[in-house]
Amino acid sequence: MSETSRKTGATATRGKVIITCAVTGAIHTPTMSPYLPITPDQIASEAIAAAEAGAAILHLHARDPETGKPDQTPEAFARFLPRVKQGTNAAINITTGGSPYMKVEERVRPAAQFKPEVASLNMGSINFGLYHLADKYETFKFDWEKPHLEATRDLVFRNSFKDIEYILATCYDNGTRFEFECYDIAHLYNLSHFADRGLVKPPFFVQSVFGLLGGIGTHPEDVAHMKRTADRLFGDQFRWSVLGAGASQLRIAAQSAALGGNIRVGLEDSLWAGKGKLAKSNAEQVLLARKIIEGLGMEVATPDEAREILSLKGGDKVAF
């Protein structure tokens, strides 16, 4: 791309806000919401509807359609990836986080096989506490749910330097770029370390995660501190986005948009669409994020504008 083209593209996308939608994830269990997508049909239809509502990037996990348990096999992703691609122009982001209970070799397999435009990459190990959620439900739909939550009292989500190097080495030659998930300030420094070594290239898509027990909190000062630190470490070489867990989702989204950042929503991160109101779909949360963005006088980025902003390879270069 010529220098003139780069400048033209930068001008065209200035002020555009990227909405990422994380459709199902591996944190919430089926008992927590009847609207949580579990089957391939549900995941595909929810993803396409989220894109129609304004999501430029779709962050995807897979689940066992019978039990709702996280499933990181390529076969599970193959049941919906082609349908999502055919149904929308949105960029598809495949998780390499999978579930905290999985080894890195298992977690990276779908991204390695399908070569998406984007893959998530957790930038450090953390305590990953979900056990407090178990007390909110008297009974569970499936036997695996309560032990899955309670076991996180003694769970470290491992993302060592070696693990990160392994994912980078496995995926970068495929042209896949990364959503660098940073759950705490140290994770920004870890990303800076990999940048200094030349193992990652700008623009860095930094997804700051707020409100997970074991990571940084949800206070406005936590959000501002994360942004200030990223600004100092990466200057104009990164694109910042946020996700707020649970009830903090939209408040933190609004702060990010006001600070010039991007937004991630979706039922992976929060089951809610207002106080005490379960979101009936991912699209409902996307529309709420869109309302925030447009209320601030900004515009939602289209998928192709998001590709321009993040230097993605294009949906015609994936392997599904």
Protein backbone atom coordinates (compact mmCIF):
# COMPACT_ATOMS: atom_id res chain seq x y z
CA MET A 1 0.00 0.00 0.00
CA SER A 2 1.36 3.42 -0.94
CA GLU A 3 1.93 6.20 1.59
CA THR A 4 -0.94 8.15 0.00
CA SER A 5 -3.26 5.15 0.33
CA ARG A 6 -2.28 4.68 3.97
CA LYS A 7 -3.03 8.32 4.73
CA THR A 8 -6.34 8.14 2.89
CA GLY A 9 -7.32 5.01 4.83
CA ALA A 10 -6.31 6.57 8.13
CA THR A 11 -8.42 9.64 7.40
CA ALA A 12 -11.42 7.53 6.42
CA THR A 13 -11.32 5.51 9.63
CA ARG A 14 -10.50 8.33 12.06
CA GLY A 15 -13.10 8.50 14.81
CA LYS A 16 -14.55 5.09 13.95
CA VAL A 17 -15.13 2.76 16.90
CA ILE A 18 -14.73 -1.00 16.51
CA ILE A 19 -17.31 -3.16 18.27
CA THR A 20 -16.19 -6.71 18.99
CA CYS A 21 -18.84 -9.20 20.06
CA ALA A 22 -17.77 -12.24 22.12
CA VAL A 23 -20.67 -14.55 21.46
CA THR A 24 -20.47 -17.34 24.07
CA GLY A 25 -17.05 -17.84 25.74
CA ALA A 26 -16.17 -20.40 28.41
CA ILE A 27 -17.00 -18.56 31.65
CA HIS A 28 -20.79 -18.57 31.87
CA THR A 29 -22.60 -21.87 32.22
CA PRO A 30 -26.00 -22.83 30.75
CA THR A 31 -27.83 -22.44 34.07
CA MET A 32 -26.92 -18.76 34.23
CA SER A 33 -28.96 -17.69 31.20
CA PRO A 34 -31.39 -19.40 28.82
CA TYR A 35 -30.08 -17.08 26.11
CA LEU A 36 -26.46 -18.31 26.21
CA PRO A 37 -25.63 -19.82 22.78
CA ILE A 38 -24.57 -23.46 23.03
CA THR A 39 -25.33 -25.35 19.83
CA PRO A 40 -23.64 -24.62 16.48
CA ASP A 41 -26.95 -23.29 15.16
CA GLN A 42 -27.29 -20.91 18.10
CA ILE A 43 -23.67 -19.72 17.90
CA ALA A 44 -23.91 -19.10 14.14
CA SER A 45 -27.23 -17.27 14.29
CA GLU A 46 -26.17 -15.17 17.30
CA ALA A 47 -22.90 -14.23 15.60
CA ILE A 48 -24.59 -13.20 12.36
CA ALA A 49 -27.23 -11.17 14.20
CA ALA A 50 -24.51 -9.42 16.24
CA ALA A 51 -22.72 -8.47 13.01
CA GLU A 52 -25.96 -7.13 11.55
CA ALA A 53 -26.38 -5.01 14.68
CA GLY A 54 -22.95 -3.45 14.19
CA ALA A 55 -20.20 -5.76 15.41
CA ALA A 56 -17.19 -5.58 13.10
CA ILE A 57 -15.36 -8.47 14.80
CA LEU A 58 -16.87 -11.70 16.13
CA HIS A 59 -14.91 -13.42 18.90
CA LEU A 60 -15.85 -17.11 18.90
CA HIS A 61 -15.64 -20.10 21.23
CA ALA A 62 -17.27 -23.51 20.77
CA ARG A 63 -19.32 -25.64 23.17
CA ASP A 64 -20.58 -29.20 23.41
CA PRO A 65 -24.12 -28.90 22.00
CA GLU A 66 -25.48 -31.47 24.47
CA THR A 67 -24.04 -30.10 27.73
CA GLY A 68 -22.82 -26.58 26.97
CA LYS A 69 -19.33 -27.46 28.20
CA PRO A 70 -16.45 -25.59 26.48
CA ASP A 71 -15.09 -27.54 23.50
CA GLN A 72 -11.82 -26.49 21.87
CA THR A 73 -11.62 -29.18 19.19
CA PRO A 74 -11.35 -27.94 15.59
CA GLU A 75 -14.30 -30.21 14.77
CA ALA A 76 -16.53 -28.17 17.11
CA PHE A 77 -15.54 -24.89 15.41
CA ALA A 78 -16.00 -26.42 11.95
CA ARG A 79 -19.71 -26.80 12.68
CA PHE A 80 -20.29 -23.04 12.62
CA LEU A 81 -17.29 -21.15 11.20
CA PRO A 82 -18.21 -21.55 7.48
CA ARG A 83 -21.80 -20.54 8.21
CA VAL A 84 -20.71 -17.39 10.06
CA LYS A 85 -18.33 -16.48 7.25
CA GLN A 86 -21.03 -16.98 4.62
CA GLY A 87 -23.58 -15.01 6.63
CA THR A 88 -21.56 -11.88 7.36
CA ASN A 89 -18.59 -9.79 6.29
CA ALA A 90 -17.43 -9.40 9.91
CA ALA A 91 -13.86 -10.38 10.77
CA ILE A 92 -13.78 -13.63 12.73
CA ASN A 93 -11.64 -13.94 15.84
CA ILE A 94 -10.97 -17.48 17.15
CA THR A 95 -10.03 -17.89 20.79
CA THR A 96 -6.68 -19.37 21.84
CA GLY A 97 -7.76 -18.91 25.45
CA GLY A 98 -10.26 -21.75 25.24
CA SER A 99 -10.85 -22.65 28.87
CA PRO A 100 -8.45 -22.13 31.82
CA TYR A 101 -8.50 -25.89 32.36
CA MET A 102 -6.97 -26.63 28.94
CA LYS A 103 -3.32 -26.91 27.96
CA VAL A 104 -1.94 -24.45 25.42
CA GLU A 105 -1.51 -27.15 22.75
CA GLU A 106 -5.26 -27.82 22.91
CA ARG A 107 -6.18 -24.16 23.06
CA VAL A 108 -4.31 -23.16 19.90
CA ARG A 109 -5.54 -25.93 17.60
CA PRO A 110 -8.59 -24.18 16.05
CA ALA A 111 -6.67 -20.98 15.28
CA ALA A 112 -3.77 -22.98 13.85
CA GLN A 113 -6.05 -25.01 11.56
CA PHE A 114 -8.47 -22.33 10.39
CA LYS A 115 -6.02 -19.41 10.10
CA PRO A 116 -8.46 -16.63 11.08
CA GLU A 117 -7.91 -12.92 10.58
CA VAL A 118 -7.72 -12.49 14.36
CA ALA A 119 -7.05 -14.76 17.33
CA SER A 120 -7.18 -13.86 20.99
CA LEU A 121 -3.98 -14.18 23.02
CA ASN A 122 -3.87 -13.90 26.81
CA MET A 123 -0.78 -11.98 27.85
CA GLY A 124 -0.07 -13.46 31.27
CA SER A 125 -1.00 -15.96 33.96
CA ILE A 126 -3.62 -14.99 36.54
CA ASN A 127 -5.79 -16.42 39.28
CA PHE A 128 -9.09 -17.01 37.48
CA GLY A 129 -11.86 -16.91 40.07
CA LEU A 130 -15.38 -17.95 39.11
CA TYR A 131 -16.15 -19.86 42.32
CA HIS A 132 -18.17 -17.02 43.80
CA LEU A 133 -20.73 -17.46 41.02
CA ALA A 134 -21.63 -20.97 42.22
CA ASP A 135 -23.39 -19.62 45.31
CA LYS A 136 -25.89 -17.66 43.21
CA TYR A 137 -27.72 -20.76 41.98
CA GLU A 138 -29.55 -23.35 44.07
CA THR A 139 -29.54 -25.97 41.32
CA PHE A 140 -27.71 -26.43 38.02
CA LYS A 141 -28.93 -27.74 34.71
CA PHE A 142 -25.85 -29.94 34.17
CA ASP A 143 -23.69 -31.86 36.64
CA TRP A 144 -20.43 -30.34 35.39
CA GLU A 145 -21.33 -26.72 36.07
CA LYS A 146 -20.96 -26.36 39.85
CA PRO A 147 -17.65 -28.30 40.11
CA HIS A 148 -16.35 -26.31 37.14
CA LEU A 149 -17.01 -23.06 38.99
CA GLU A 150 -15.93 -24.16 42.46
CA ALA A 151 -12.62 -25.59 41.22
CA THR A 152 -11.49 -22.09 40.23
CA ARG A 153 -10.82 -21.37 43.91
CA ASP A 154 -7.53 -23.18 43.27
CA LEU A 155 -7.02 -22.38 39.58
CA VAL A 156 -4.24 -20.41 37.92
CA PHE A 157 -4.92 -19.69 34.25
CA ARG A 158 -1.49 -20.43 32.88
CA ASN A 159 -0.17 -18.17 30.14
CA SER A 160 3.59 -18.35 30.60
CA PHE A 161 6.13 -16.65 28.35
CA LYS A 162 6.76 -20.05 26.77
CA ASP A 163 3.03 -20.54 26.16
CA ILE A 164 2.74 -17.11 24.52
CA GLU A 165 5.79 -17.81 22.36
CA TYR A 166 4.21 -21.11 21.31
CA ILE A 167 0.97 -19.47 20.17
CA LEU A 168 2.85 -16.73 18.34
CA ALA A 169 5.09 -19.24 16.57
CA THR A 170 2.11 -21.40 15.63
CA CYS A 171 -0.13 -18.65 14.24
CA TYR A 172 1.87 -15.67 13.01
CA ASP A 173 3.04 -17.23 9.76
CA ASN A 174 -0.64 -17.74 8.89
CA GLY A 175 -1.15 -13.98 8.68
CA THR A 176 -3.31 -14.07 11.81
CA ARG A 177 -3.12 -10.98 14.00
CA PHE A 178 -3.98 -10.92 17.67
CA GLU A 179 -6.41 -9.47 20.14
CA PHE A 180 -3.96 -9.16 23.05
CA GLU A 181 -6.05 -9.76 26.15
CA CYS A 182 -4.57 -7.88 29.10
CA TYR A 183 -6.15 -8.63 32.47
CA ASP A 184 -3.74 -6.48 34.45
CA ILE A 185 -1.05 -3.84 34.07
CA ALA A 186 1.74 -6.44 34.01
CA HIS A 187 0.24 -7.91 30.86
CA LEU A 188 0.88 -4.66 29.03
CA TYR A 189 4.53 -4.93 30.03
CA ASN A 190 4.57 -8.52 28.80
CA LEU A 191 3.28 -7.33 25.43
CA SER A 192 5.94 -4.62 25.39
CA HIS A 193 8.55 -7.32 26.05
CA PHE A 194 7.41 -9.32 23.02
CA ALA A 195 7.34 -6.15 20.93
CA ASP A 196 10.92 -5.35 21.97
CA ARG A 197 11.94 -8.83 20.83
CA GLY A 198 10.27 -8.28 17.46
CA LEU A 199 7.87 -11.20 17.93
CA VAL A 200 4.76 -9.03 17.54
CA LYS A 201 4.19 -6.22 15.08
CA PRO A 202 2.08 -3.06 15.34
CA PRO A 203 -0.62 -1.99 15.28
CA PHE A 204 -1.26 -3.91 18.50
CA PHE A 205 -4.94 -4.61 19.22
CA VAL A 206 -4.96 -4.35 23.03
CA GLN A 207 -8.08 -5.69 24.73
CA SER A 208 -8.08 -4.58 28.36
CA VAL A 209 -10.16 -6.86 30.58
CA PHE A 210 -11.76 -5.42 33.71
CA GLY A 211 -13.66 -7.08 36.53
CA LEU A 212 -12.56 -10.70 36.44
CA LEU A 213 -11.68 -11.95 39.93
CA GLY A 214 -7.89 -12.24 39.78
CA GLY A 215 -7.36 -9.34 37.38
CA ILE A 216 -7.64 -5.56 37.52
CA GLY A 217 -10.85 -4.04 38.91
CA THR A 218 -13.59 -1.94 37.36
CA HIS A 219 -13.06 1.45 39.01
CA PRO A 220 -12.79 4.33 36.52
CA GLU A 221 -9.23 4.88 37.77
CA ASP A 222 -8.38 1.27 36.87
CA VAL A 223 -9.58 1.92 33.32
CA ALA A 224 -7.70 5.22 33.08
CA HIS A 225 -4.53 3.63 34.50
CA MET A 226 -4.63 0.86 31.91
CA LYS A 227 -5.05 3.41 29.11
CA ARG A 228 -2.28 5.70 30.42
CA THR A 229 0.12 2.77 30.71
CA ALA A 230 -0.64 1.52 27.21
CA ASP A 231 -0.20 5.04 25.83
CA ARG A 232 3.20 5.31 27.49
CA LEU A 233 4.38 1.88 26.34
CA PHE A 234 3.02 1.85 22.78
CA GLY A 235 2.36 5.46 21.73
CA ASP A 236 0.48 5.50 18.45
CA GLN A 237 1.34 1.86 17.71
CA PHE A 238 -1.74 0.31 19.34
CA ARG A 239 -5.52 0.31 19.13
CA TRP A 240 -7.20 0.10 22.53
CA SER A 241 -10.39 -1.77 23.36
CA VAL A 242 -12.06 -2.74 26.62
CA LEU A 243 -14.35 -5.36 28.02
CA GLY A 244 -16.05 -5.00 31.36
CA ALA A 245 -17.20 -8.19 33.06
CA GLY A 246 -20.75 -8.49 34.28
CA ALA A 247 -22.60 -5.38 35.36
CA SER A 248 -19.62 -3.13 34.54
CA GLN A 249 -19.81 -3.89 30.80
CA LEU A 250 -21.57 -0.80 29.46
CA ARG A 251 -20.13 1.68 31.98
CA ILE A 252 -16.59 0.71 31.01
CA ALA A 253 -17.56 0.66 27.33
CA ALA A 254 -18.74 4.25 27.66
CA GLN A 255 -15.49 5.30 29.34
CA SER A 256 -13.45 3.65 26.59
CA ALA A 257 -15.41 5.33 23.81
CA ALA A 258 -15.06 8.70 25.54
CA LEU A 259 -11.29 8.14 25.73
CA GLY A 260 -11.06 7.30 22.03
CA GLY A 261 -11.04 3.54 22.50
CA ASN A 262 -13.00 0.60 21.13
CA ILE A 263 -15.55 -1.69 22.76
CA ARG A 264 -16.12 -5.39 23.28
CA VAL A 265 -19.50 -6.73 24.38
CA GLY A 266 -21.19 -10.13 24.21
CA LEU A 267 -22.57 -12.90 26.39
CA GLU A 268 -19.06 -14.23 27.03
CA ASP A 269 -18.34 -11.13 29.09
CA SER A 270 -21.74 -10.23 30.56
CA LEU A 271 -25.19 -11.78 30.61
CA TRP A 272 -26.91 -8.46 31.24
CA ALA A 273 -28.60 -5.66 29.30
CA GLY A 274 -29.28 -3.39 32.23
CA LYS A 275 -29.69 -3.78 35.98
CA GLY A 276 -31.42 -7.09 36.72
CA LYS A 277 -32.27 -7.63 33.04
CA LEU A 278 -30.80 -10.59 31.20
CA ALA A 279 -29.74 -9.83 27.64
CA LYS A 280 -31.87 -11.87 25.29
CA SER A 281 -29.19 -11.88 22.60
CA ASN A 282 -25.69 -10.73 21.75
CA ALA A 283 -27.20 -8.31 19.25
CA GLU A 284 -29.04 -6.56 22.08
CA GLN A 285 -25.72 -5.73 23.75
CA VAL A 286 -24.20 -4.62 20.43
CA LEU A 287 -27.08 -2.21 19.93
CA LEU A 288 -26.57 -0.80 23.44
CA ALA A 289 -22.87 -0.27 22.66
CA ARG A 290 -23.81 1.34 19.37
CA LYS A 291 -26.13 3.74 21.19
CA ILE A 292 -23.23 4.80 23.44
CA ILE A 293 -20.91 5.39 20.48
CA GLU A 294 -23.41 7.33 18.41
CA GLY A 295 -24.56 9.27 21.47
CA LEU A 296 -20.99 10.53 21.81
CA GLY A 297 -21.06 11.75 18.22
CA MET A 298 -18.87 8.97 16.83
CA GLU A 299 -19.46 6.26 14.24
CA VAL A 300 -19.33 2.49 14.42
CA ALA A 301 -16.61 0.96 12.24
CA THR A 302 -17.67 -1.40 9.48
CA PRO A 303 -15.84 -4.73 9.16
CA ASP A 304 -13.70 -3.39 6.31
CA GLU A 305 -12.88 -0.26 8.28
CA ALA A 306 -11.85 -2.46 11.21
CA ARG A 307 -9.61 -4.41 8.84
CA GLU A 308 -8.00 -1.14 7.76
CA ILE A 309 -7.51 0.06 11.34
CA LEU A 310 -6.01 -3.24 12.55
CA SER A 311 -4.14 -4.21 9.33
CA LEU A 312 -6.01 -7.52 8.99
CA LYS A 313 -5.39 -9.82 6.04
CA GLY A 314 -9.00 -10.08 4.82
CA GLY A 315 -11.73 -12.67 5.06
CA ASP A 316 -10.72 -14.29 1.76
CA LYS A 317 -7.43 -15.47 3.27
CA VAL A 318 -8.76 -17.69 6.04
CA ALA A 319 -8.93 -21.50 5.91
CA PHE A 320 -12.65 -22.06 6.40
